């Protein structure tokens, strides 16, 4: 599988490096706290929550999820545009029918001599 450089996220900036270190320590701390008893259980719980949040953010910011969300928004916008066009057409049709009815009423209400 070939990865394109433009599709890859910048994994070497400070926030990513710090986040990966913290999440790795959180996972290790959680395992140590739950299985060996070296770290208190409260720290293990907090560490696992931090790791879960960090990895959830990583998944959310991934190019796959962002592409999916962008496509989903584009489909919604296209659907709403078609609905708006249909409403505008309906409004034009109703206005023309109202005008036709008004013309018909005007011609039928005039007395003929």
C-alpha atoms as a PDB file:
ATOM      1  CA  UNK A   1       0.000   0.000   0.000  1.00  0.00           C
ATOM      2  CA  UNK A   2       1.463   3.337  -1.023  1.00  0.00           C
ATOM      3  CA  UNK A   3       0.941   6.423   1.099  1.00  0.00           C
ATOM      4  CA  UNK A   4       1.052   9.839  -0.461  1.00  0.00           C
ATOM      5  CA  UNK A   5       2.853  12.528   1.491  1.00  0.00           C
ATOM      6  CA  UNK A   6       0.050  15.035   0.984  1.00  0.00           C
ATOM      7  CA  UNK A   7      -2.444  12.606   2.561  1.00  0.00           C
ATOM      8  CA  UNK A   8      -0.362  12.009   5.644  1.00  0.00           C
ATOM      9  CA  UNK A   9      -0.867  14.151   8.680  1.00  0.00           C
ATOM     10  CA  UNK A  10       2.028  15.939  10.325  1.00  0.00           C
ATOM     11  CA  UNK A  11       2.912  13.479  13.086  1.00  0.00           C
ATOM     12  CA  UNK A  12       6.081  15.297  14.099  1.00  0.00           C
ATOM     13  CA  UNK A  13       4.828  18.544  15.574  1.00  0.00           C
ATOM     14  CA  UNK A  14       4.974  19.122  19.323  1.00  0.00           C
ATOM     15  CA  UNK A  15       1.310  18.442  20.060  1.00  0.00           C
ATOM     16  CA  UNK A  16       1.364  15.055  18.342  1.00  0.00           C
ATOM     17  CA  UNK A  17       4.601  13.982  19.992  1.00  0.00           C
ATOM     18  CA  UNK A  18       3.425  15.134  23.430  1.00  0.00           C
ATOM     19  CA  UNK A  19       0.025  13.535  22.899  1.00  0.00           C
ATOM     20  CA  UNK A  20       1.524  10.211  21.883  1.00  0.00           C
ATOM     21  CA  UNK A  21       3.871  10.218  24.883  1.00  0.00           C
ATOM     22  CA  UNK A  22       1.067  11.090  27.298  1.00  0.00           C
ATOM     23  CA  UNK A  23      -1.293   8.519  25.822  1.00  0.00           C
ATOM     24  CA  UNK A  24       1.388   5.824  25.895  1.00  0.00           C
ATOM     25  CA  UNK A  25       2.098   6.654  29.540  1.00  0.00           C
ATOM     26  CA  UNK A  26      -1.641   6.636  30.245  1.00  0.00           C
ATOM     27  CA  UNK A  27      -2.059   3.193  28.724  1.00  0.00           C
ATOM     28  CA  UNK A  28       0.981   1.820  30.587  1.00  0.00           C
ATOM     29  CA  UNK A  29      -0.224   3.449  33.803  1.00  0.00           C
ATOM     30  CA  UNK A  30      -3.673   1.995  33.369  1.00  0.00           C
ATOM     31  CA  UNK A  31      -2.302  -1.499  32.831  1.00  0.00           C
ATOM     32  CA  UNK A  32       0.049  -1.220  35.792  1.00  0.00           C
ATOM     33  CA  UNK A  33      -2.690   0.150  37.983  1.00  0.00           C
ATOM     34  CA  UNK A  34      -5.213  -2.497  37.043  1.00  0.00           C
ATOM     35  CA  UNK A  35      -3.026  -5.584  36.915  1.00  0.00           C
ATOM     36  CA  UNK A  36      -0.029  -5.100  39.181  1.00  0.00           C
ATOM     37  CA  UNK A  37      -1.333  -2.598  41.689  1.00  0.00           C
ATOM     38  CA  UNK A  38       1.716  -0.336  41.426  1.00  0.00           C
ATOM     39  CA  UNK A  39      -0.322   2.732  40.505  1.00  0.00           C
ATOM     40  CA  UNK A  40      -3.501   3.657  42.386  1.00  0.00           C
ATOM     41  CA  UNK A  41      -6.756   2.728  40.708  1.00  0.00           C
ATOM     42  CA  UNK A  42      -7.868   6.371  40.474  1.00  0.00           C
ATOM     43  CA  UNK A  43      -4.782   7.216  38.427  1.00  0.00           C
ATOM     44  CA  UNK A  44      -5.409   4.203  36.230  1.00  0.00           C
ATOM     45  CA  UNK A  45      -8.982   5.325  35.619  1.00  0.00           C
ATOM     46  CA  UNK A  46      -7.936   8.905  34.877  1.00  0.00           C
ATOM     47  CA  UNK A  47      -5.119   7.689  32.632  1.00  0.00           C
ATOM     48  CA  UNK A  48      -7.442   5.441  30.649  1.00  0.00           C
ATOM     49  CA  UNK A  49      -9.925   8.307  30.204  1.00  0.00           C
ATOM     50  CA  UNK A  50      -7.128  10.593  28.969  1.00  0.00           C
ATOM     51  CA  UNK A  51      -5.961   7.890  26.556  1.00  0.00           C
ATOM     52  CA  UNK A  52      -9.512   7.319  25.311  1.00  0.00           C
ATOM     53  CA  UNK A  53     -10.010  11.043  24.704  1.00  0.00           C
ATOM     54  CA  UNK A  54      -6.654  11.377  22.941  1.00  0.00           C
ATOM     55  CA  UNK A  55      -7.247   8.428  20.623  1.00  0.00           C
ATOM     56  CA  UNK A  56     -10.796   9.585  19.926  1.00  0.00           C
ATOM     57  CA  UNK A  57      -9.397  12.943  18.841  1.00  0.00           C
ATOM     58  CA  UNK A  58      -6.813  11.192  16.680  1.00  0.00           C
ATOM     59  CA  UNK A  59      -9.515   9.179  14.940  1.00  0.00           C
ATOM     60  CA  UNK A  60     -11.730  12.262  14.523  1.00  0.00           C
ATOM     61  CA  UNK A  61      -8.887  14.281  13.010  1.00  0.00           C
ATOM     62  CA  UNK A  62      -7.810  11.494  10.663  1.00  0.00           C
ATOM     63  CA  UNK A  63      -8.090  12.177   6.966  1.00  0.00           C
ATOM     64  CA  UNK A  64     -10.573   9.312   6.507  1.00  0.00           C
ATOM     65  CA  UNK A  65     -13.090  10.703   8.980  1.00  0.00           C
ATOM     66  CA  UNK A  66     -12.588  14.277   7.769  1.00  0.00           C
ATOM     67  CA  UNK A  67     -13.143  13.177   4.150  1.00  0.00           C
ATOM     68  CA  UNK A  68     -16.271  11.267   5.174  1.00  0.00           C
ATOM     69  CA  UNK A  69     -17.619  14.284   7.049  1.00  0.00           C
ATOM     70  CA  UNK A  70     -16.806  16.633   4.146  1.00  0.00           C
ATOM     71  CA  UNK A  71     -18.598  14.327   1.683  1.00  0.00           C
ATOM     72  CA  UNK A  72     -21.563  14.011   4.028  1.00  0.00           C
ATOM     73  CA  UNK A  73     -21.851  17.804   4.319  1.00  0.00           C
ATOM     74  CA  UNK A  74     -21.587  18.132   0.528  1.00  0.00           C
ATOM     75  CA  UNK A  75     -24.425  15.618   0.068  1.00  0.00           C
ATOM     76  CA  UNK A  76     -26.572  17.499   2.585  1.00  0.00           C
ATOM     77  CA  UNK A  77     -25.888  20.802   0.837  1.00  0.00           C
ATOM     78  CA  UNK A  78     -26.739  19.281  -2.564  1.00  0.00           C
ATOM     79  CA  UNK A  79     -29.982  17.850  -1.153  1.00  0.00           C
ATOM     80  CA  UNK A  80     -30.920  21.186   0.415  1.00  0.00           C
ATOM     81  CA  UNK A  81     -30.182  22.992  -2.857  1.00  0.00           C
ATOM     82  CA  UNK A  82     -32.553  20.668  -4.713  1.00  0.00           C
ATOM     83  CA  UNK A  83     -35.204  21.251  -2.060  1.00  0.00           C
ATOM     84  CA  UNK A  84     -34.721  25.011  -2.338  1.00  0.00           C
ATOM     85  CA  UNK A  85     -34.974  24.843  -6.140  1.00  0.00           C
ATOM     86  CA  UNK A  86     -38.178  22.821  -5.858  1.00  0.00           C
ATOM     87  CA  UNK A  87     -39.640  25.362  -3.432  1.00  0.00           C
ATOM     88  CA  UNK A  88     -38.693  28.247  -5.715  1.00  0.00           C
ATOM     89  CA  UNK A  89     -40.298  26.475  -8.688  1.00  0.00           C
ATOM     90  CA  UNK A  90     -43.408  25.860  -6.630  1.00  0.00           C
ATOM     91  CA  UNK A  91     -43.494  29.514  -5.624  1.00  0.00           C
ATOM     92  CA  UNK A  92     -43.197  30.641  -9.268  1.00  0.00           C
ATOM     93  CA  UNK A  93     -45.918  28.176 -10.293  1.00  0.00           C
ATOM     94  CA  UNK A  94     -48.242  29.333  -7.506  1.00  0.00           C
ATOM     95  CA  UNK A  95     -47.647  32.980  -8.381  1.00  0.00           C
ATOM     96  CA  UNK A  96     -48.402  32.336 -12.050  1.00  0.00           C
ATOM     97  CA  UNK A  97     -51.556  30.399 -11.122  1.00  0.00           C
ATOM     98  CA  UNK A  98     -52.672  33.229  -8.840  1.00  0.00           C
ATOM     99  CA  UNK A  99     -52.116  35.728 -11.639  1.00  0.00           C
ATOM    100  CA  UNK A 100     -54.028  33.510 -14.094  1.00  0.00           C
ATOM    101  CA  UNK A 101     -56.911  33.162 -11.642  1.00  0.00           C
ATOM    102  CA  UNK A 102     -56.931  36.928 -11.113  1.00  0.00           C
ATOM    103  CA  UNK A 103     -57.021  37.557 -14.875  1.00  0.00           C
ATOM    104  CA  UNK A 104     -59.837  35.015 -15.266  1.00  0.00           C
ATOM    105  CA  UNK A 105     -61.814  36.619 -12.436  1.00  0.00           C
ATOM    106  CA  UNK A 106     -61.270  40.067 -13.949  1.00  0.00           C
ATOM    107  CA  UNK A 107     -62.560  38.941 -17.354  1.00  0.00           C
ATOM    108  CA  UNK A 108     -65.594  37.104 -15.978  1.00  0.00           C
ATOM    109  CA  UNK A 109     -66.614  39.844 -13.534  1.00  0.00           C
ATOM    110  CA  UNK A 110     -66.796  42.629 -16.163  1.00  0.00           C
ATOM    111  CA  UNK A 111     -70.334  43.189 -17.366  1.00  0.00           C
ATOM    112  CA  UNK A 112     -70.775  42.832 -21.075  1.00  0.00           C
ATOM    113  CA  UNK A 113     -72.910  45.536 -22.886  1.00  0.00           C
END
